[in-house]
C-alpha cells in the first residue's frame, strides 16, 4: 500500500503527506502493521482496510498522534478499536 492509498482510506492523516517525516511515519507504520493483518483479511477482501487501520493505530500511538490527541486517556485509539471490530466481524 502506498502513502496515497493509505490517506485515501484514512483521510485525516493527509497532513502527513506534506513532509518527508510524515511520509516516513506512514511507511514505517504500514511495515509494522503488515505482519499483524492476517490471511483472514486477505481472504475476505478487507486486507487494505485492516492494514490502514492498524497502521493508523501505530501513528496515533506515535509522538505525532499523541500531540494530535489521537489517543484516549485509556490508551486506546479509534483506529485500534475499529481494527478490533473489523477483526471480530470478518467471517467469510
Protein backbone atom coordinates (compact mmCIF):
# COMPACT_ATOMS: atom_id res chain seq x y z
CA UNK A 1 0.00 0.00 0.00
CA UNK A 2 1.29 3.45 -0.86
CA UNK A 3 1.03 6.56 1.28
CA UNK A 4 -1.60 7.93 -1.11
CA UNK A 5 -3.68 4.74 -0.82
CA UNK A 6 -3.36 4.90 2.97
CA UNK A 7 -4.59 8.50 3.08
CA UNK A 8 -7.47 7.61 0.77
CA UNK A 9 -8.65 5.17 3.44
CA UNK A 10 -7.73 7.34 6.45
CA UNK A 11 -8.14 10.90 5.10
CA UNK A 12 -7.50 12.64 8.40
CA UNK A 13 -3.86 11.57 8.03
CA UNK A 14 -3.46 13.74 4.91
CA UNK A 15 -1.24 16.32 6.69
CA UNK A 16 1.43 13.62 6.94
CA UNK A 17 1.87 13.75 3.15
CA UNK A 18 3.29 17.28 3.44
CA UNK A 19 6.66 16.27 4.89
CA UNK A 20 9.36 13.67 4.48
CA UNK A 21 8.97 12.80 8.17
CA UNK A 22 5.24 12.23 7.70
CA UNK A 23 5.80 10.03 4.67
CA UNK A 24 8.39 8.04 6.62
CA UNK A 25 5.97 7.64 9.53
CA UNK A 26 3.30 6.26 7.20
CA UNK A 27 5.81 3.89 5.59
CA UNK A 28 7.15 2.59 8.90
CA UNK A 29 3.65 2.18 10.31
CA UNK A 30 2.47 0.22 7.27
CA UNK A 31 5.52 -2.03 7.53
CA UNK A 32 4.95 -2.53 11.26
CA UNK A 33 1.26 -3.30 10.75
CA UNK A 34 1.58 -5.74 7.84
CA UNK A 35 2.51 -8.85 9.87
CA UNK A 36 -0.48 -8.27 12.16
CA UNK A 37 -3.02 -8.27 9.35
CA UNK A 38 -3.61 -11.93 8.75
CA UNK A 39 -4.72 -14.10 5.88
CA UNK A 40 -8.32 -13.87 7.02
CA UNK A 41 -8.36 -10.20 5.99
CA UNK A 42 -6.99 -11.13 2.55
CA UNK A 43 -9.45 -13.99 2.08
CA UNK A 44 -12.37 -11.74 2.99
CA UNK A 45 -11.26 -8.85 0.79
CA UNK A 46 -10.62 -6.35 3.59
CA UNK A 47 -6.82 -6.53 3.78
CA UNK A 48 -6.26 -2.90 2.75
CA UNK A 49 -8.80 -1.61 5.29
CA UNK A 50 -7.27 -3.73 8.05
CA UNK A 51 -3.74 -2.66 7.15
CA UNK A 52 -4.70 1.02 7.05
CA UNK A 53 -6.48 0.84 10.41
CA UNK A 54 -3.59 -0.96 12.11
CA UNK A 55 -1.05 1.49 10.63
CA UNK A 56 -3.20 4.45 11.70
CA UNK A 57 -3.30 2.93 15.19
CA UNK A 58 0.51 2.93 15.30
CA UNK A 59 0.63 6.51 14.01
CA UNK A 60 -1.83 7.54 16.72
CA UNK A 61 0.46 6.00 19.34
CA UNK A 62 3.49 7.85 17.96
CA UNK A 63 4.58 11.27 19.22
CA UNK A 64 2.74 12.77 16.22
CA UNK A 65 -0.50 11.09 17.24
CA UNK A 66 -0.11 11.86 20.92
CA UNK A 67 0.42 15.54 20.11
CA UNK A 68 -2.66 15.46 17.88
CA UNK A 69 -4.60 13.90 20.78
CA UNK A 70 -5.41 10.74 18.84
CA UNK A 71 -5.06 8.54 21.95
CA UNK A 72 -7.73 8.36 24.65
CA UNK A 73 -6.93 8.60 28.33
CA UNK A 74 -7.40 4.82 28.46
CA UNK A 75 -4.58 4.41 25.93
CA UNK A 76 -6.90 3.33 23.11
CA UNK A 77 -7.10 4.74 19.63
CA UNK A 78 -10.17 4.98 17.43
CA UNK A 79 -8.24 3.07 14.78
CA UNK A 80 -7.35 0.22 17.12
CA UNK A 81 -10.98 -0.09 18.21
CA UNK A 82 -12.11 -0.09 14.55
CA UNK A 83 -9.46 -2.71 13.69
CA UNK A 84 -10.67 -4.97 16.52
CA UNK A 85 -14.28 -4.55 15.36
CA UNK A 86 -13.29 -5.41 11.79
CA UNK A 87 -11.39 -8.46 13.02
CA UNK A 88 -14.43 -9.61 15.02
CA UNK A 89 -16.74 -9.08 12.04
CA UNK A 90 -14.61 -10.85 9.42
CA UNK A 91 -16.18 -14.25 8.83
CA UNK A 92 -16.05 -15.31 5.23
